[in-house]
PDB file of N, CA and C in Angstrom:
ATOM      1  N   MET A   1      -2.414  20.584  14.756  1.00  0.00           N
ATOM      2  CA  MET A   1      -2.641  19.745  13.583  1.00  0.00           C
ATOM      3  C   MET A   1      -3.371  20.559  12.522  1.00  0.00           C
ATOM      4  N   ASN A   2      -2.995  20.365  11.281  1.00  0.00           N
ATOM      5  CA  ASN A   2      -3.619  21.086  10.178  1.00  0.00           C
ATOM      6  C   ASN A   2      -4.978  20.488   9.848  1.00  0.00           C
ATOM      7  N   SER A   3      -5.867  21.350   9.389  1.00  0.00           N
ATOM      8  CA  SER A   3      -7.182  20.846   8.982  1.00  0.00           C
ATOM      9  C   SER A   3      -7.216  20.748   7.457  1.00  0.00           C
ATOM     10  N   PHE A   4      -7.458  19.558   6.993  1.00  0.00           N
ATOM     11  CA  PHE A   4      -7.526  19.285   5.574  1.00  0.00           C
ATOM     12  C   PHE A   4      -8.947  18.878   5.219  1.00  0.00           C
ATOM     13  N   GLN A   5      -9.340  19.181   3.993  1.00  0.00           N
ATOM     14  CA  GLN A   5     -10.605  18.691   3.469  1.00  0.00           C
ATOM     15  C   GLN A   5     -10.257  17.769   2.305  1.00  0.00           C
ATOM     16  N   PHE A   6     -10.998  16.680   2.219  1.00  0.00           N
ATOM     17  CA  PHE A   6     -10.782  15.700   1.160  1.00  0.00           C
ATOM     18  C   PHE A   6     -12.060  15.579   0.343  1.00  0.00           C
ATOM     19  N   THR A   7     -11.926  15.687  -0.980  1.00  0.00           N
ATOM     20  CA  THR A   7     -13.075  15.503  -1.868  1.00  0.00           C
ATOM     21  C   THR A   7     -12.699  14.482  -2.929  1.00  0.00           C
ATOM     22  N   LYS A   8     -13.656  13.676  -3.300  1.00  0.00           N
ATOM     23  CA  LYS A   8     -13.435  12.618  -4.286  1.00  0.00           C
ATOM     24  C   LYS A   8     -13.621  13.188  -5.697  1.00  0.00           C
ATOM     25  N   GLN A   9     -12.701  12.884  -6.604  1.00  0.00           N
ATOM     26  CA  GLN A   9     -12.860  13.255  -8.004  1.00  0.00           C
ATOM     27  C   GLN A   9     -13.871  12.299  -8.619  1.00  0.00           C
ATOM     28  N   LYS A  10     -14.795  12.844  -9.374  1.00  0.00           N
ATOM     29  CA  LYS A  10     -15.924  12.066  -9.868  1.00  0.00           C
ATOM     30  C   LYS A  10     -15.523  10.918 -10.795  1.00  0.00           C
ATOM     31  N   HIS A  11     -14.633  11.165 -11.732  1.00  0.00           N
ATOM     32  CA  HIS A  11     -14.360  10.165 -12.766  1.00  0.00           C
ATOM     33  C   HIS A  11     -13.042   9.416 -12.593  1.00  0.00           C
ATOM     34  N   THR A  12     -12.131   9.935 -11.786  1.00  0.00           N
ATOM     35  CA  THR A  12     -10.823   9.289 -11.663  1.00  0.00           C
ATOM     36  C   THR A  12     -10.696   8.421 -10.420  1.00  0.00           C
ATOM     37  N   GLY A  13     -11.515   8.658  -9.417  1.00  0.00           N
ATOM     38  CA  GLY A  13     -11.411   7.921  -8.168  1.00  0.00           C
ATOM     39  C   GLY A  13     -10.335   8.462  -7.250  1.00  0.00           C
ATOM     40  N   LYS A  14      -9.623   9.482  -7.683  1.00  0.00           N
ATOM     41  CA  LYS A  14      -8.593  10.097  -6.845  1.00  0.00           C
ATOM     42  C   LYS A  14      -9.253  11.036  -5.841  1.00  0.00           C
ATOM     43  N   THR A  15      -8.489  11.439  -4.853  1.00  0.00           N
ATOM     44  CA  THR A  15      -8.989  12.314  -3.796  1.00  0.00           C
ATOM     45  C   THR A  15      -8.243  13.632  -3.835  1.00  0.00           C
ATOM     46  N   ASN A  16      -8.978  14.741  -3.937  1.00  0.00           N
ATOM     47  CA  ASN A  16      -8.367  16.066  -3.863  1.00  0.00           C
ATOM     48  C   ASN A  16      -8.084  16.413  -2.416  1.00  0.00           C
ATOM     49  N   VAL A  17      -6.966  17.123  -2.189  1.00  0.00           N
ATOM     50  CA  VAL A  17      -6.601  17.573  -0.851  1.00  0.00           C
ATOM     51  C   VAL A  17      -6.677  19.097  -0.842  1.00  0.00           C
ATOM     52  N   TRP A  18      -7.488  19.634   0.070  1.00  0.00           N
ATOM     53  CA  TRP A  18      -7.684  21.075   0.208  1.00  0.00           C
ATOM     54  C   TRP A  18      -7.162  21.525   1.559  1.00  0.00           C
ATOM     55  N   HIS A  19      -6.553  22.707   1.570  1.00  0.00           N
ATOM     56  CA  HIS A  19      -6.099  23.305   2.831  1.00  0.00           C
ATOM     57  C   HIS A  19      -6.368  24.808   2.745  1.00  0.00           C
ATOM     58  N   GLY A  20      -7.168  25.307   3.673  1.00  0.00           N
ATOM     59  CA  GLY A  20      -7.487  26.732   3.662  1.00  0.00           C
ATOM     60  C   GLY A  20      -8.220  27.168   2.410  1.00  0.00           C
ATOM     61  N   GLY A  21      -9.020  26.291   1.826  1.00  0.00           N
ATOM     62  CA  GLY A  21      -9.768  26.615   0.624  1.00  0.00           C
ATOM     63  C   GLY A  21      -8.955  26.544  -0.662  1.00  0.00           C
ATOM     64  N   VAL A  22      -7.721  26.065  -0.580  1.00  0.00           N
ATOM     65  CA  VAL A  22      -6.831  25.978  -1.744  1.00  0.00           C
ATOM     66  C   VAL A  22      -6.539  24.506  -2.025  1.00  0.00           C
ATOM     67  N   LEU A  23      -6.660  24.134  -3.298  1.00  0.00           N
ATOM     68  CA  LEU A  23      -6.315  22.779  -3.718  1.00  0.00           C
ATOM     69  C   LEU A  23      -4.799  22.652  -3.706  1.00  0.00           C
ATOM     70  N   ILE A  24      -4.274  21.760  -2.857  1.00  0.00           N
ATOM     71  CA  ILE A  24      -2.818  21.627  -2.746  1.00  0.00           C
ATOM     72  C   ILE A  24      -2.287  20.340  -3.367  1.00  0.00           C
ATOM     73  N   GLY A  25      -3.153  19.389  -3.670  1.00  0.00           N
ATOM     74  CA  GLY A  25      -2.669  18.151  -4.265  1.00  0.00           C
ATOM     75  C   GLY A  25      -3.760  17.114  -4.387  1.00  0.00           C
ATOM     76  N   GLU A  26      -3.328  15.901  -4.724  1.00  0.00           N
ATOM     77  CA  GLU A  26      -4.279  14.810  -4.838  1.00  0.00           C
ATOM     78  C   GLU A  26      -3.661  13.521  -4.320  1.00  0.00           C
ATOM     79  N   LEU A  27      -4.544  12.617  -3.939  1.00  0.00           N
ATOM     80  CA  LEU A  27      -4.135  11.326  -3.406  1.00  0.00           C
ATOM     81  C   LEU A  27      -4.727  10.210  -4.255  1.00  0.00           C
ATOM     82  N   SER A  28      -3.958   9.164  -4.424  1.00  0.00           N
ATOM     83  CA  SER A  28      -4.438   7.943  -5.059  1.00  0.00           C
ATOM     84  C   SER A  28      -4.334   6.841  -4.028  1.00  0.00           C
ATOM     85  N   SER A  29      -5.385   6.057  -3.888  1.00  0.00           N
ATOM     86  CA  SER A  29      -5.318   4.955  -2.933  1.00  0.00           C
ATOM     87  C   SER A  29      -4.752   3.722  -3.624  1.00  0.00           C
ATOM     88  N   ILE A  30      -3.942   2.991  -2.889  1.00  0.00           N
ATOM     89  CA  ILE A  30      -3.362   1.754  -3.376  1.00  0.00           C
ATOM     90  C   ILE A  30      -3.815   0.666  -2.410  1.00  0.00           C
ATOM     91  N   ILE A  31      -4.555  -0.300  -2.923  1.00  0.00           N
ATOM     92  CA  ILE A  31      -5.103  -1.365  -2.090  1.00  0.00           C
ATOM     93  C   ILE A  31      -4.421  -2.676  -2.473  1.00  0.00           C
ATOM     94  N   ARG A  32      -3.801  -3.298  -1.473  1.00  0.00           N
ATOM     95  CA  ARG A  32      -3.128  -4.585  -1.680  1.00  0.00           C
ATOM     96  C   ARG A  32      -3.570  -5.552  -0.591  1.00  0.00           C
ATOM     97  N   GLU A  33      -3.542  -6.802  -0.922  1.00  0.00           N
ATOM     98  CA  GLU A  33      -3.855  -7.822   0.069  1.00  0.00           C
ATOM     99  C   GLU A  33      -2.656  -7.997   1.000  1.00  0.00           C
ATOM    100  N   LYS A  34      -2.939  -8.116   2.297  1.00  0.00           N
ATOM    101  CA  LYS A  34      -1.866  -8.324   3.265  1.00  0.00           C
ATOM    102  C   LYS A  34      -1.204  -9.672   3.006  1.00  0.00           C
ATOM    103  N   PRO A  35       0.117  -9.732   3.093  1.00  0.00           N
ATOM    104  CA  PRO A  35       0.822 -10.965   2.743  1.00  0.00           C
ATOM    105  C   PRO A  35       0.783 -12.054   3.814  1.00  0.00           C
ATOM    106  N   ASP A  36       0.408 -11.714   5.039  1.00  0.00           N
ATOM    107  CA  ASP A  36       0.511 -12.672   6.136  1.00  0.00           C
ATOM    108  C   ASP A  36      -0.823 -13.328   6.519  1.00  0.00           C
ATOM    109  N   ILE A  37      -1.746 -13.454   5.580  1.00  0.00           N
ATOM    110  CA  ILE A  37      -3.050 -14.063   5.862  1.00  0.00           C
ATOM    111  C   ILE A  37      -2.908 -15.591   5.873  1.00  0.00           C
ATOM    112  N   ASP A  38      -3.482 -16.219   6.869  1.00  0.00           N
ATOM    113  CA  ASP A  38      -3.444 -17.675   7.008  1.00  0.00           C
ATOM    114  C   ASP A  38      -4.599 -18.287   6.196  1.00  0.00           C
ATOM    115  N   TRP A  39      -4.420 -18.375   4.873  1.00  0.00           N
ATOM    116  CA  TRP A  39      -5.484 -18.850   4.000  1.00  0.00           C
ATOM    117  C   TRP A  39      -5.908 -20.301   4.283  1.00  0.00           C
ATOM    118  N   PRO A  40      -4.994 -21.213   4.605  1.00  0.00           N
ATOM    119  CA  PRO A  40      -5.445 -22.587   4.917  1.00  0.00           C
ATOM    120  C   PRO A  40      -6.456 -22.629   6.070  1.00  0.00           C
ATOM    121  N   LYS A  41      -6.294 -21.755   7.056  1.00  0.00           N
ATOM    122  CA  LYS A  41      -7.232 -21.693   8.176  1.00  0.00           C
ATOM    123  C   LYS A  41      -8.631 -21.324   7.689  1.00  0.00           C
ATOM    124  N   TYR A  42      -8.719 -20.348   6.781  1.00  0.00           N
ATOM    125  CA  TYR A  42     -10.026 -19.911   6.271  1.00  0.00           C
ATOM    126  C   TYR A  42     -10.634 -20.923   5.299  1.00  0.00           C
ATOM    127  N   ARG A  43      -9.784 -21.649   4.583  1.00  0.00           N
ATOM    128  CA  ARG A  43     -10.294 -22.688   3.683  1.00  0.00           C
ATOM    129  C   ARG A  43     -10.829 -23.892   4.469  1.00  0.00           C
ATOM    130  N   ALA A  44     -10.193 -24.169   5.594  1.00  0.00           N
ATOM    131  CA  ALA A  44     -10.589 -25.318   6.410  1.00  0.00           C
ATOM    132  C   ALA A  44     -11.905 -25.066   7.150  1.00  0.00           C
ATOM    133  N   ASP A  45     -12.127 -23.827   7.572  1.00  0.00           N
ATOM    134  CA  ASP A  45     -13.343 -23.500   8.342  1.00  0.00           C
ATOM    135  C   ASP A  45     -14.109 -22.404   7.605  1.00  0.00           C
ATOM    136  N   LYS A  46     -15.118 -22.806   6.849  1.00  0.00           N
ATOM    137  CA  LYS A  46     -15.885 -21.864   6.019  1.00  0.00           C
ATOM    138  C   LYS A  46     -16.752 -20.913   6.842  1.00  0.00           C
ATOM    139  N   THR A  47     -16.877 -21.142   8.153  1.00  0.00           N
ATOM    140  CA  THR A  47     -17.676 -20.229   8.981  1.00  0.00           C
ATOM    141  C   THR A  47     -16.869 -19.004   9.400  1.00  0.00           C
ATOM    142  N   LEU A  48     -15.560 -19.069   9.265  1.00  0.00           N
ATOM    143  CA  LEU A  48     -14.714 -17.920   9.621  1.00  0.00           C
ATOM    144  C   LEU A  48     -14.853 -16.831   8.572  1.00  0.00           C
ATOM    145  N   LYS A  49     -14.929 -15.609   9.022  1.00  0.00           N
ATOM    146  CA  LYS A  49     -14.994 -14.457   8.123  1.00  0.00           C
ATOM    147  C   LYS A  49     -13.755 -13.593   8.337  1.00  0.00           C
ATOM    148  N   LEU A  50     -13.167 -13.154   7.255  1.00  0.00           N
ATOM    149  CA  LEU A  50     -11.999 -12.289   7.317  1.00  0.00           C
ATOM    150  C   LEU A  50     -12.463 -10.841   7.149  1.00  0.00           C
ATOM    151  N   PRO A  51     -12.381 -10.034   8.212  1.00  0.00           N
ATOM    152  CA  PRO A  51     -12.822  -8.639   8.104  1.00  0.00           C
ATOM    153  C   PRO A  51     -12.000  -7.863   7.070  1.00  0.00           C
ATOM    154  N   TYR A  52     -12.634  -6.898   6.459  1.00  0.00           N
ATOM    155  CA  TYR A  52     -12.021  -6.082   5.409  1.00  0.00           C
ATOM    156  C   TYR A  52     -10.683  -5.500   5.863  1.00  0.00           C
ATOM    157  N   GLY A  53     -10.672  -4.910   7.055  1.00  0.00           N
ATOM    158  CA  GLY A  53      -9.465  -4.259   7.566  1.00  0.00           C
ATOM    159  C   GLY A  53      -8.322  -5.208   7.844  1.00  0.00           C
ATOM    160  N   GLU A  54      -8.639  -6.485   8.042  1.00  0.00           N
ATOM    161  CA  GLU A  54      -7.592  -7.470   8.281  1.00  0.00           C
ATOM    162  C   GLU A  54      -7.077  -8.095   6.987  1.00  0.00           C
ATOM    163  N   ARG A  55      -7.828  -7.942   5.905  1.00  0.00           N
ATOM    164  CA  ARG A  55      -7.412  -8.528   4.628  1.00  0.00           C
ATOM    165  C   ARG A  55      -6.627  -7.543   3.763  1.00  0.00           C
ATOM    166  N   TRP A  56      -7.040  -6.288   3.754  1.00  0.00           N
ATOM    167  CA  TRP A  56      -6.484  -5.324   2.814  1.00  0.00           C
ATOM    168  C   TRP A  56      -5.592  -4.310   3.497  1.00  0.00           C
ATOM    169  N   LEU A  57      -4.540  -3.925   2.805  1.00  0.00           N
ATOM    170  CA  LEU A  57      -3.611  -2.896   3.242  1.00  0.00           C
ATOM    171  C   LEU A  57      -3.793  -1.702   2.305  1.00  0.00           C
ATOM    172  N   ILE A  58      -4.178  -0.571   2.861  1.00  0.00           N
ATOM    173  CA  ILE A  58      -4.428   0.621   2.049  1.00  0.00           C
ATOM    174  C   ILE A  58      -3.329   1.645   2.318  1.00  0.00           C
ATOM    175  N   THR A  59      -2.680   2.109   1.249  1.00  0.00           N
ATOM    176  CA  THR A  59      -1.713   3.193   1.346  1.00  0.00           C
ATOM    177  C   THR A  59      -2.157   4.301   0.405  1.00  0.00           C
ATOM    178  N   TRP A  60      -1.592   5.477   0.601  1.00  0.00           N
ATOM    179  CA  TRP A  60      -1.986   6.653  -0.173  1.00  0.00           C
ATOM    180  C   TRP A  60      -0.777   7.250  -0.863  1.00  0.00           C
ATOM    181  N   LYS A  61      -0.859   7.416  -2.180  1.00  0.00           N
ATOM    182  CA  LYS A  61       0.198   8.049  -2.969  1.00  0.00           C
ATOM    183  C   LYS A  61      -0.140   9.534  -3.083  1.00  0.00           C
ATOM    184  N   ALA A  62       0.783  10.387  -2.652  1.00  0.00           N
ATOM    185  CA  ALA A  62       0.548  11.826  -2.632  1.00  0.00           C
ATOM    186  C   ALA A  62       1.230  12.510  -3.805  1.00  0.00           C
ATOM    187  N   SER A  63       0.523  13.469  -4.430  1.00  0.00           N
ATOM    188  CA  SER A  63       1.076  14.283  -5.509  1.00  0.00           C
ATOM    189  C   SER A  63       0.680  15.730  -5.272  1.00  0.00           C
ATOM    190  N   THR A  64       1.605  16.650  -5.545  1.00  0.00           N
ATOM    191  CA  THR A  64       1.296  18.070  -5.385  1.00  0.00           C
ATOM    192  C   THR A  64       0.475  18.561  -6.557  1.00  0.00           C
ATOM    193  N   ALA A  65      -0.300  19.612  -6.333  1.00  0.00           N
ATOM    194  CA  ALA A  65      -1.128  20.177  -7.399  1.00  0.00           C
ATOM    195  C   ALA A  65      -0.301  21.062  -8.329  1.00  0.00           C
ATOM    196  N   ALA A  66       0.749  21.675  -7.808  1.00  0.00           N
ATOM    197  CA  ALA A  66       1.520  22.641  -8.586  1.00  0.00           C
ATOM    198  C   ALA A  66       2.190  21.998  -9.799  1.00  0.00           C
ATOM    199  N   ASN A  67       2.892  20.905  -9.612  1.00  0.00           N
ATOM    200  CA  ASN A  67       3.582  20.280 -10.744  1.00  0.00           C
ATOM    201  C   ASN A  67       3.344  18.770 -10.792  1.00  0.00           C
ATOM    202  N   MET A  68       2.388  18.291 -10.022  1.00  0.00           N
ATOM    203  CA  MET A  68       1.984  16.883  -9.978  1.00  0.00           C
ATOM    204  C   MET A  68       3.169  15.953  -9.738  1.00  0.00           C
ATOM    205  N   SER A  69       4.124  16.403  -8.937  1.00  0.00           N
ATOM    206  CA  SER A  69       5.237  15.527  -8.594  1.00  0.00           C
ATOM    207  C   SER A  69       4.823  14.590  -7.469  1.00  0.00           C
ATOM    208  N   SER A  70       5.259  13.361  -7.565  1.00  0.00           N
ATOM    209  CA  SER A  70       4.912  12.357  -6.565  1.00  0.00           C
ATOM    210  C   SER A  70       5.797  12.534  -5.336  1.00  0.00           C
ATOM    211  N   LEU A  71       5.187  12.396  -4.174  1.00  0.00           N
ATOM    212  CA  LEU A  71       5.907  12.552  -2.914  1.00  0.00           C
ATOM    213  C   LEU A  71       6.065  11.228  -2.181  1.00  0.00           C
ATOM    214  N   GLY A  72       5.617  10.142  -2.754  1.00  0.00           N
ATOM    215  CA  GLY A  72       5.737   8.840  -2.129  1.00  0.00           C
ATOM    216  C   GLY A  72       4.402   8.326  -1.626  1.00  0.00           C
ATOM    217  N   THR A  73       4.461   7.221  -0.884  1.00  0.00           N
ATOM    218  CA  THR A  73       3.246   6.628  -0.343  1.00  0.00           C
ATOM    219  C   THR A  73       3.249   6.740   1.179  1.00  0.00           C
ATOM    220  N   PHE A  74       2.057   6.811   1.739  1.00  0.00           N
ATOM    221  CA  PHE A  74       1.873   7.029   3.168  1.00  0.00           C
ATOM    222  C   PHE A  74       0.787   6.095   3.691  1.00  0.00           C
ATOM    223  N   GLU A  75       0.809   5.845   5.001  1.00  0.00           N
ATOM    224  CA  GLU A  75      -0.122   4.897   5.586  1.00  0.00           C
ATOM    225  C   GLU A  75      -1.532   5.441   5.768  1.00  0.00           C
ATOM    226  N   ASN A  76      -1.684   6.773   5.824  1.00  0.00           N
ATOM    227  CA  ASN A  76      -3.032   7.331   5.932  1.00  0.00           C
ATOM    228  C   ASN A  76      -3.116   8.663   5.194  1.00  0.00           C
ATOM    229  N   LYS A  77      -4.347   9.112   4.985  1.00  0.00           N
ATOM    230  CA  LYS A  77      -4.580  10.336   4.199  1.00  0.00           C
ATOM    231  C   LYS A  77      -3.971  11.561   4.861  1.00  0.00           C
ATOM    232  N   GLU A  78      -4.040  11.640   6.182  1.00  0.00           N
ATOM    233  CA  GLU A  78      -3.545  12.816   6.885  1.00  0.00           C
ATOM    234  C   GLU A  78      -2.028  12.975   6.740  1.00  0.00           C
ATOM    235  N   GLU A  79      -1.288  11.858   6.846  1.00  0.00           N
ATOM    236  CA  GLU A  79       0.160  11.918   6.646  1.00  0.00           C
ATOM    237  C   GLU A  79       0.495  12.356   5.226  1.00  0.00           C
ATOM    238  N   ALA A  80      -0.238  11.840   4.254  1.00  0.00           N
ATOM    239  CA  ALA A  80      -0.004  12.200   2.856  1.00  0.00           C
ATOM    240  C   ALA A  80      -0.309  13.683   2.625  1.00  0.00           C
ATOM    241  N   ALA A  81      -1.411  14.170   3.209  1.00  0.00           N
ATOM    242  CA  ALA A  81      -1.778  15.578   3.061  1.00  0.00           C
ATOM    243  C   ALA A  81      -0.737  16.478   3.715  1.00  0.00           C
ATOM    244  N   GLU A  82      -0.218  16.066   4.858  1.00  0.00           N
ATOM    245  CA  GLU A  82       0.821  16.832   5.548  1.00  0.00           C
ATOM    246  C   GLU A  82       2.079  16.928   4.691  1.00  0.00           C
ATOM    247  N   ALA A  83       2.440  15.843   4.007  1.00  0.00           N
ATOM    248  CA  ALA A  83       3.610  15.846   3.121  1.00  0.00           C
ATOM    249  C   ALA A  83       3.400  16.811   1.952  1.00  0.00           C
ATOM    250  N   ILE A  84       2.195  16.843   1.410  1.00  0.00           N
ATOM    251  CA  ILE A  84       1.885  17.774   0.319  1.00  0.00           C
ATOM    252  C   ILE A  84       2.018  19.212   0.812  1.00  0.00           C
ATOM    253  N   LEU A  85       1.462  19.496   1.989  1.00  0.00           N
ATOM    254  CA  LEU A  85       1.531  20.847   2.540  1.00  0.00           C
ATOM    255  C   LEU A  85       2.985  21.248   2.807  1.00  0.00           C
ATOM    256  N   ASN A  86       3.785  20.342   3.358  1.00  0.00           N
ATOM    257  CA  ASN A  86       5.199  20.642   3.606  1.00  0.00           C
ATOM    258  C   ASN A  86       5.942  20.935   2.311  1.00  0.00           C
ATOM    259  N   GLU A  87       5.631  20.200   1.254  1.00  0.00           N
ATOM    260  CA  GLU A  87       6.264  20.440  -0.049  1.00  0.00           C
ATOM    261  C   GLU A  87       5.886  21.823  -0.587  1.00  0.00           C
ATOM    262  N   HIS A  88       4.622  22.201  -0.408  1.00  0.00           N
ATOM    263  CA  HIS A  88       4.195  23.536  -0.833  1.00  0.00           C
ATOM    264  C   HIS A  88       4.924  24.619  -0.052  1.00  0.00           C
ATOM    265  N   HIS A  89       5.074  24.443   1.247  1.00  0.00           N
ATOM    266  CA  HIS A  89       5.803  25.422   2.055  1.00  0.00           C
ATOM    267  C   HIS A  89       7.237  25.562   1.577  1.00  0.00           C
ATOM    268  N   LYS A  90       7.905  24.431   1.306  1.00  0.00           N
ATOM    269  CA  LYS A  90       9.288  24.495   0.821  1.00  0.00           C
ATOM    270  C   LYS A  90       9.366  25.229  -0.510  1.00  0.00           C
ATOM    271  N   LYS A  91       8.453  24.915  -1.420  1.00  0.00           N
ATOM    272  CA  LYS A  91       8.476  25.522  -2.754  1.00  0.00           C
ATOM    273  C   LYS A  91       8.203  27.013  -2.692  1.00  0.00           C
ATOM    274  N   PHE A  92       7.170  27.409  -1.977  1.00  0.00           N
ATOM    275  CA  PHE A  92       6.805  28.811  -1.965  1.00  0.00           C
ATOM    276  C   PHE A  92       7.720  29.650  -1.088  1.00  0.00           C
ATOM    277  N   ASP A  93       8.278  29.093  -0.031  1.00  0.00           N
ATOM    278  CA  ASP A  93       9.255  29.828   0.771  1.00  0.00           C
ATOM    279  C   ASP A  93      10.497  30.127  -0.061  1.00  0.00           C
ATOM    280  N   ARG A  94      10.915  29.160  -0.898  1.00  0.00           N
ATOM    281  CA  ARG A  94      12.083  29.349  -1.761  1.00  0.00           C
ATOM    282  C   ARG A  94      11.794  30.419  -2.826  1.00  0.00           C
ATOM    283  N   GLU A  95      10.590  30.374  -3.435  1.00  0.00           N
ATOM    284  CA  GLU A  95      10.262  31.339  -4.472  1.00  0.00           C
ATOM    285  C   GLU A  95      10.141  32.747  -3.903  1.00  0.00           C
ATOM    286  N   ILE A  96       9.607  32.897  -2.711  1.00  0.00           N
ATOM    287  CA  ILE A  96       9.462  34.211  -2.085  1.00  0.00           C
ATOM    288  C   ILE A  96      10.852  34.774  -1.746  1.00  0.00           C
ATOM    289  N   SER A  97      11.757  33.922  -1.260  1.00  0.00           N
ATOM    290  CA  SER A  97      13.099  34.403  -0.927  1.00  0.00           C
ATOM    291  C   SER A  97      13.853  34.811  -2.187  1.00  0.00           C
ATOM    292  N   GLU A  98      13.567  34.201  -3.334  1.00  0.00           N
ATOM    293  CA  GLU A  98      14.218  34.580  -4.582  1.00  0.00           C
ATOM    294  C   GLU A  98      13.713  35.939  -5.079  1.00  0.00           C
ATOM    295  N   ILE A  99      12.477  36.287  -4.780  1.00  0.00           N
ATOM    296  CA  ILE A  99      11.913  37.562  -5.208  1.00  0.00           C
ATOM    297  C   ILE A  99      12.544  38.715  -4.426  1.00  0.00           C
ATOM    298  N   TYR A 100      12.726  38.488  -3.146  1.00  0.00           N
ATOM    299  CA  TYR A 100      13.252  39.553  -2.283  1.00  0.00           C
ATOM    300  C   TYR A 100      14.704  39.387  -2.137  1.00  0.00           C
TER     301      TYR A 100
END
């Protein structure tokens, strides 16, 4: 498994993705409410608490650092970072083969 480092951008709220000391891309979190919540149950019994993880669905939108192209959304940061790294490998392997 690859080791990634994640750092938060101060003013944008986005997350930088680092691999081997090189910035390879950024992630944006997308937070949506889960569609299958039984709201009448929670309205009827005010003592019930809905945990954060059961209410919200978090996905990560991945973009490469080289040309900021979007690679889609992923269920966790590690999958998104892996997609960014794979895109970099494809791009740089192609450019190196064109040189030689």
